[in-house]
Protein backbone atom coordinates (compact mmCIF):
# COMPACT_ATOMS: atom_id res chain seq x y z
CA MET A 1 -3.64 -3.74 -12.46
CA LEU A 2 -4.88 -4.78 -9.04
CA ALA A 3 -8.25 -6.59 -9.14
CA THR A 4 -11.26 -4.74 -7.73
CA LYS A 5 -11.83 -7.28 -4.95
CA TYR A 6 -8.43 -6.35 -3.49
CA THR A 7 -9.08 -2.60 -3.60
CA LEU A 8 -9.91 -0.74 -0.40
CA LYS A 9 -12.99 1.40 -0.99
CA GLY A 10 -14.77 4.00 1.08
CA VAL A 11 -13.49 6.94 3.07
CA SER A 12 -14.62 5.32 6.33
CA ARG A 13 -12.45 2.24 5.72
CA PHE A 14 -9.40 4.40 4.92
CA GLU A 15 -9.99 6.43 8.09
CA ARG A 16 -10.39 3.27 10.19
CA VAL A 17 -7.06 1.94 8.92
CA GLU A 18 -5.26 5.22 9.56
CA LYS A 19 -6.72 5.66 13.07
CA MET A 20 -6.81 2.10 14.38
CA GLY A 21 -4.11 0.40 12.32
CA GLU A 22 -0.45 -0.13 13.06
CA ILE A 23 1.87 2.06 11.02
CA THR A 24 5.22 0.87 9.71
CA GLN A 25 7.57 3.36 8.07
CA SER A 26 9.70 2.67 5.05
CA ASP A 27 12.11 5.07 3.38
CA SER A 28 9.63 6.14 0.67
CA PHE A 29 6.23 5.40 2.23
CA GLY A 30 4.37 4.34 5.32
CA ILE A 31 2.13 1.29 5.61
CA ALA A 32 -0.93 1.39 7.86
CA VAL A 33 -2.34 -2.08 8.60
CA PHE A 34 -5.66 -2.85 10.25
CA ASP A 35 -6.42 -6.49 11.11
CA ARG A 36 -10.12 -7.12 10.42
CA LYS A 37 -9.87 -10.57 12.04
CA ASP A 38 -11.81 -12.29 9.27
CA ALA A 39 -11.01 -14.71 6.44
CA ASP A 40 -11.87 -12.37 3.55
CA VAL A 41 -9.17 -11.30 1.11
CA SER A 42 -6.99 -8.40 2.15
CA SER A 43 -7.78 -4.96 0.74
CA PHE A 44 -5.20 -2.39 -0.33
CA GLY A 45 -5.37 1.38 -0.67
CA PHE A 46 -2.78 3.78 -2.04
CA ILE A 47 -2.50 7.46 -1.10
CA VAL A 48 -0.24 9.72 -3.13
CA SER A 49 -1.32 13.27 -2.40
CA ASN A 50 -0.94 16.44 -4.44
CA LYS A 51 1.72 17.50 -1.92
CA ILE A 52 3.92 14.67 -3.19
CA SER A 53 3.59 15.87 -6.77
CA PRO A 54 1.12 18.27 -8.39
CA GLU A 55 1.50 16.32 -11.65
CA SER A 56 -0.90 13.41 -11.96
CA THR A 57 1.49 11.45 -14.19
CA ASN A 58 4.02 11.23 -11.35
CA ARG A 59 1.38 10.27 -8.78
CA ASN A 60 -0.08 7.62 -11.08
CA ARG A 61 3.35 6.12 -11.84
CA VAL A 62 3.97 5.69 -8.12
CA LYS A 63 0.55 4.11 -7.56
CA ARG A 64 1.03 1.72 -10.49
CA ALA A 65 4.41 0.60 -9.15
CA MET A 66 3.05 -0.05 -5.65
CA LYS A 67 0.01 -1.88 -7.04
CA ALA A 68 2.25 -4.04 -9.23
CA ALA A 69 4.35 -5.05 -6.23
CA VAL A 70 1.24 -5.97 -4.24
CA ARG A 71 -0.20 -7.93 -7.17
CA TYR A 72 2.99 -10.01 -7.47
CA GLU A 73 2.86 -10.87 -3.76
CA LEU A 74 -0.92 -11.46 -3.31
CA GLY A 75 -0.69 -15.24 -3.07
CA GLN A 76 1.78 -15.02 -0.22
CA LEU A 77 0.06 -12.34 1.89
CA LYS A 78 -2.20 -12.89 4.90
CA SER A 79 -5.98 -12.59 4.58
CA GLY A 80 -8.24 -10.33 6.63
CA GLN A 81 -6.11 -7.19 6.47
CA ASP A 82 -6.86 -3.64 5.33
CA ILE A 83 -3.60 -2.05 4.20
CA VAL A 84 -2.99 1.56 3.15
CA PHE A 85 0.24 2.78 1.55
CA LEU A 86 1.04 6.44 2.29
CA ALA A 87 3.64 7.83 -0.12
CA LYS A 88 6.39 10.24 0.93
CA GLN A 89 8.18 12.83 -1.20
CA LYS A 90 11.27 10.59 -1.58
CA ILE A 91 9.35 8.08 -3.67
CA LEU A 92 9.43 10.32 -6.75
CA ARG A 93 13.20 9.88 -7.02
CA LYS A 94 12.95 6.10 -7.19
CA SER A 95 12.52 3.94 -10.26
CA THR A 96 9.62 1.53 -10.62
CA GLU A 97 11.89 -1.44 -9.84
CA GLU A 98 13.17 0.24 -6.68
CA ILE A 99 9.61 0.95 -5.53
CA ILE A 100 8.57 -2.66 -6.15
CA ASN A 101 11.54 -3.99 -4.16
CA GLU A 102 10.90 -1.56 -1.32
CA VAL A 103 7.23 -2.60 -1.13
CA ARG A 104 8.24 -6.26 -0.87
CA ILE A 105 10.71 -5.50 1.91
CA ALA A 106 8.19 -3.33 3.77
CA LEU A 107 5.52 -6.05 3.57
CA LYS A 108 7.98 -8.53 5.11
CA GLU A 109 8.92 -6.09 7.87
CA ALA A 110 5.23 -5.48 8.63
CA ASN A 111 4.83 -9.28 9.03
CA LEU A 112 2.13 -9.51 6.34
CA TYR A 113 3.31 -12.77 4.76
CA LYS A 114 1.65 -16.07 5.64
């Protein structure tokens, strides 16, 4: 479980990231990154819409996998970022391990490591 201090909260913050952030596409999701230019810890949000799957168990499995990957990498990630993961339909066909590996690769490609 991702600690509360790392969780992106508030519709306005999600909208700011999606409008003003840089978007990087992965095979199963997109990552929108907004640099707050401060020293606070980075915040993460996860969007898995009903269009991806109408079943909440599938949506929650995907969110848990992405959160686990972020939690494993927290110590190595830059501070001062707001990051939103936007799931695509393809993610449902991937196992938890595949999602975790893809998140790690996408974070490297988005240049989010220290």
